[in-house]
Amino acid sequence: MSASMSVAAKAVKSFRIKQLASLQSHIIHNGPLPVPTADQTAPHRLPNPFIPHKNPLTGRWAPATISLRRQADLVKKAKTSNTLHLLPPGPKNPIPSDLTQEVAARLAHKQFGGRKNKGLPEGPFNKEKWKRGLKETWMNPVDWIGAPKIKQVPGAELGTRLYAGKKRMFKGHRWERLKALNLHTWFLMASENNSCPCSVKTK
């Protein structure tokens, strides 16, 4: 792994560790996480920090904890370090990875090591044990709670989003667009006066 990729991978690792470490704070301020479904079997369950969340206790919406600028930066670094499967889906990364959880976990452990299929230690809180468990399990699969609403934009798959659905690619200058209308008005005035304005002599 090159130096630049190592820095990029460290940024993704730091992001995952911070999200795991802030889980209890999220639960205290926003209430417990939703009950997991039958297909959510990952060792970790975390709220998606890339999208807004609704507080079930107050009914209010809280903005995404990670700004769009930081999301774009994380996605760029994840692509550089081949760790895109470690990020949650978001506006800057609507479909982060097509890997299954098993394949993603195998790839993550090949890159970073750690303990497979293990979550954070449970039971009485022990700070040293909790920190050690955090370092050993941060790369394990996560069931991210919440997904972004993917907006279908015409022409996005072809790279022509800017002009998709428009009648003309470039509308031109205003005088160019009004040229035909001005000529039409000019000839109408000339026909009403039975003379061509260009033949009028000035003194």
Protein backbone atom coordinates (compact mmCIF):
# COMPACT_ATOMS: atom_id res chain seq x y z
CA MET A 1 0.00 0.00 0.00
CA SER A 2 1.53 3.31 -1.06
CA ALA A 3 1.97 6.28 1.27
CA SER A 4 -0.97 8.18 -0.25
CA MET A 5 -3.22 5.14 0.00
CA SER A 6 -2.12 4.57 3.58
CA VAL A 7 -3.18 8.12 4.52
CA ALA A 8 -6.50 7.62 2.75
CA ALA A 9 -7.11 4.30 4.51
CA LYS A 10 -6.31 5.91 7.89
CA ALA A 11 -8.98 8.56 7.21
CA VAL A 12 -11.59 5.86 6.59
CA LYS A 13 -10.44 3.95 9.68
CA SER A 14 -10.72 7.10 11.80
CA PHE A 15 -14.23 7.70 10.47
CA ARG A 16 -15.39 4.18 11.37
CA ILE A 17 -13.86 4.30 14.86
CA LYS A 18 -15.47 7.69 15.59
CA GLN A 19 -18.87 6.41 14.52
CA LEU A 20 -18.58 3.35 16.76
CA ALA A 21 -17.36 5.47 19.67
CA SER A 22 -20.25 7.96 19.33
CA LEU A 23 -23.01 5.32 19.27
CA GLN A 24 -23.87 5.67 22.96
CA SER A 25 -24.01 9.45 22.67
CA HIS A 26 -26.41 9.10 19.73
CA ILE A 27 -28.67 6.77 21.72
CA ILE A 28 -28.72 9.15 24.70
CA HIS A 29 -29.74 12.15 22.57
CA ASN A 30 -31.94 10.44 19.96
CA GLY A 31 -33.31 7.34 21.67
CA PRO A 32 -32.62 3.67 20.97
CA LEU A 33 -31.95 2.31 17.50
CA PRO A 34 -34.78 0.60 15.62
CA VAL A 35 -35.26 -3.11 16.20
CA PRO A 36 -33.09 -5.05 13.71
CA THR A 37 -34.82 -6.97 10.97
CA ALA A 38 -34.17 -10.58 10.06
CA ASP A 39 -31.66 -9.69 7.34
CA GLN A 40 -29.63 -7.36 9.58
CA THR A 41 -27.06 -9.71 11.08
CA ALA A 42 -23.86 -7.61 10.98
CA PRO A 43 -21.75 -7.36 14.16
CA HIS A 44 -22.28 -3.59 14.28
CA ARG A 45 -25.42 -1.45 13.91
CA LEU A 46 -24.92 2.29 13.50
CA PRO A 47 -27.02 5.30 12.44
CA ASN A 48 -26.02 6.52 9.01
CA PRO A 49 -24.13 9.82 9.58
CA PHE A 50 -24.48 10.81 5.91
CA ILE A 51 -28.24 11.43 6.05
CA PRO A 52 -30.65 13.32 8.38
CA HIS A 53 -32.28 11.43 11.24
CA LYS A 54 -35.62 11.83 12.95
CA ASN A 55 -35.62 11.77 16.73
CA PRO A 56 -38.31 9.24 17.77
CA LEU A 57 -38.67 10.97 21.15
CA THR A 58 -39.26 14.54 19.94
CA GLY A 59 -40.27 13.98 16.31
CA ARG A 60 -37.69 16.51 15.14
CA TRP A 61 -35.24 16.01 12.31
CA ALA A 62 -31.52 16.39 12.90
CA PRO A 63 -29.17 17.15 10.00
CA ALA A 64 -26.50 14.73 8.86
CA THR A 65 -23.53 14.73 11.23
CA ILE A 66 -21.09 14.59 8.30
CA SER A 67 -21.28 17.54 5.90
CA LEU A 68 -21.46 17.03 2.13
CA ARG A 69 -17.94 18.39 1.72
CA ARG A 70 -16.55 15.89 4.23
CA GLN A 71 -18.59 13.12 2.63
CA ALA A 72 -17.10 13.87 -0.78
CA ASP A 73 -13.61 13.91 0.74
CA LEU A 74 -14.17 10.55 2.49
CA VAL A 75 -15.56 8.95 -0.66
CA LYS A 76 -12.56 10.17 -2.66
CA LYS A 77 -10.14 8.72 -0.10
CA ALA A 78 -12.07 5.46 0.12
CA LYS A 79 -11.87 5.02 -3.65
CA THR A 80 -8.14 5.71 -3.53
CA SER A 81 -7.54 3.13 -0.79
CA ASN A 82 -10.06 0.56 -2.09
CA THR A 83 -12.13 0.85 1.10
CA LEU A 84 -15.41 2.12 -0.33
CA HIS A 85 -17.20 -0.87 1.18
CA LEU A 86 -16.45 0.56 4.66
CA LEU A 87 -18.51 3.72 4.09
CA PRO A 88 -22.29 4.04 4.41
CA PRO A 89 -24.49 5.10 1.49
CA GLY A 90 -25.05 8.84 1.19
CA PRO A 91 -25.73 11.70 -1.24
CA LYS A 92 -22.12 11.64 -2.43
CA ASN A 93 -22.05 7.86 -2.54
CA PRO A 94 -25.58 6.52 -3.19
CA ILE A 95 -24.37 3.01 -4.02
CA PRO A 96 -21.12 2.57 -2.09
CA SER A 97 -20.34 -1.06 -2.92
CA ASP A 98 -21.86 -4.07 -4.63
CA LEU A 99 -19.95 -6.47 -2.36
CA THR A 100 -21.82 -8.77 0.01
CA GLN A 101 -21.12 -8.43 3.72
CA GLU A 102 -19.10 -11.66 3.70
CA VAL A 103 -16.88 -10.54 0.81
CA ALA A 104 -16.50 -7.03 2.27
CA ALA A 105 -15.53 -8.47 5.66
CA ARG A 106 -12.97 -10.79 4.08
CA LEU A 107 -11.46 -7.91 2.10
CA ALA A 108 -11.36 -5.64 5.17
CA HIS A 109 -9.62 -8.26 7.32
CA LYS A 110 -7.12 -8.90 4.55
CA GLN A 111 -6.27 -5.18 4.55
CA PHE A 112 -6.43 -4.40 8.28
CA GLY A 113 -6.53 -7.66 10.23
CA GLY A 114 -8.75 -7.67 13.34
CA ARG A 115 -11.19 -10.21 14.77
CA LYS A 116 -13.82 -11.55 12.39
CA ASN A 117 -17.55 -11.40 13.11
CA LYS A 118 -17.05 -9.69 16.46
CA GLY A 119 -18.78 -6.62 17.79
CA LEU A 120 -17.84 -4.33 20.65
CA PRO A 121 -17.43 -6.05 24.05
CA GLU A 122 -20.58 -6.29 26.14
CA GLY A 123 -21.11 -6.44 29.87
CA PRO A 124 -19.66 -4.13 32.55
CA PHE A 125 -17.83 -1.21 31.01
CA ASN A 126 -14.06 -1.51 31.01
CA LYS A 127 -12.31 1.36 29.23
CA GLU A 128 -9.17 -0.53 28.25
CA LYS A 129 -11.12 -3.57 27.09
CA TRP A 130 -13.53 -1.36 25.15
CA LYS A 131 -10.69 0.50 23.38
CA ARG A 132 -9.00 -2.77 22.50
CA GLY A 133 -12.26 -4.17 21.14
CA LEU A 134 -12.78 -0.99 19.11
CA LYS A 135 -9.38 -1.37 17.41
CA GLU A 136 -9.96 -5.07 16.72
CA THR A 137 -13.51 -4.88 15.33
CA TRP A 138 -13.91 -1.49 13.58
CA MET A 139 -13.47 -3.10 10.14
CA ASN A 140 -16.27 -5.62 10.63
CA PRO A 141 -19.53 -5.23 8.63
CA VAL A 142 -22.04 -2.59 9.74
CA ASP A 143 -25.79 -2.44 9.26
CA TRP A 144 -26.20 1.29 8.54
CA ILE A 145 -29.60 2.54 9.67
CA GLY A 146 -31.05 4.80 7.01
CA ALA A 147 -30.39 5.17 3.30
CA PRO A 148 -30.43 8.22 1.00
CA LYS A 149 -33.24 8.81 -1.46
CA ILE A 150 -31.65 8.35 -4.86
CA LYS A 151 -32.94 10.95 -7.31
CA GLN A 152 -33.10 9.71 -10.87
CA VAL A 153 -31.59 12.39 -13.11
CA PRO A 154 -32.07 12.01 -16.90
CA GLY A 155 -28.78 11.60 -18.71
CA ALA A 156 -26.77 10.87 -15.53
CA GLU A 157 -25.63 7.50 -16.84
CA LEU A 158 -24.34 9.17 -20.03
CA GLY A 159 -22.67 12.08 -18.30
CA THR A 160 -25.04 14.67 -19.83
CA ARG A 161 -26.98 15.77 -16.74
CA LEU A 162 -26.50 19.47 -17.50
CA TYR A 163 -28.41 19.45 -20.80
CA ALA A 164 -30.71 16.46 -20.23
CA GLY A 165 -34.31 17.26 -21.21
CA LYS A 166 -33.47 20.68 -22.68
CA LYS A 167 -34.50 21.76 -26.19
CA ARG A 168 -31.15 23.29 -27.06
CA MET A 169 -27.65 22.55 -25.83
CA PHE A 170 -26.63 26.24 -25.69
CA LYS A 171 -29.18 29.01 -25.65
CA GLY A 172 -26.77 31.62 -27.05
CA HIS A 173 -26.61 35.34 -26.37
CA ARG A 174 -29.81 37.32 -25.88
CA TRP A 175 -29.35 39.41 -29.02
CA GLU A 176 -28.96 36.21 -31.03
CA ARG A 177 -32.19 34.77 -29.62
CA LEU A 178 -34.09 38.03 -30.33
CA LYS A 179 -32.63 38.55 -33.79
CA ALA A 180 -35.41 36.72 -35.65
CA LEU A 181 -38.11 38.50 -33.61
CA ASN A 182 -36.53 41.90 -34.25
CA LEU A 183 -36.33 41.24 -38.01
CA HIS A 184 -39.96 40.16 -38.05
CA THR A 185 -41.00 43.35 -36.22
CA TRP A 186 -38.87 45.43 -38.56
CA PHE A 187 -40.51 44.05 -41.70
CA LEU A 188 -44.00 44.45 -40.21
CA MET A 189 -43.34 48.13 -39.55
CA ALA A 190 -41.99 48.52 -43.09
CA SER A 191 -45.06 46.88 -44.67
CA GLU A 192 -47.47 49.04 -42.61
CA ASN A 193 -45.71 52.22 -43.81
CA ASN A 194 -45.50 50.87 -47.38
CA SER A 195 -41.85 51.74 -47.40
CA CYS A 196 -38.62 50.22 -46.31
CA PRO A 197 -37.10 52.00 -43.32
CA CYS A 198 -33.70 51.62 -44.90
CA SER A 199 -34.77 53.92 -47.75
CA VAL A 200 -35.60 56.82 -45.40
CA LYS A 201 -33.04 59.52 -45.85
CA THR A 202 -31.75 61.39 -42.87
CA LYS A 203 -30.99 65.09 -43.01
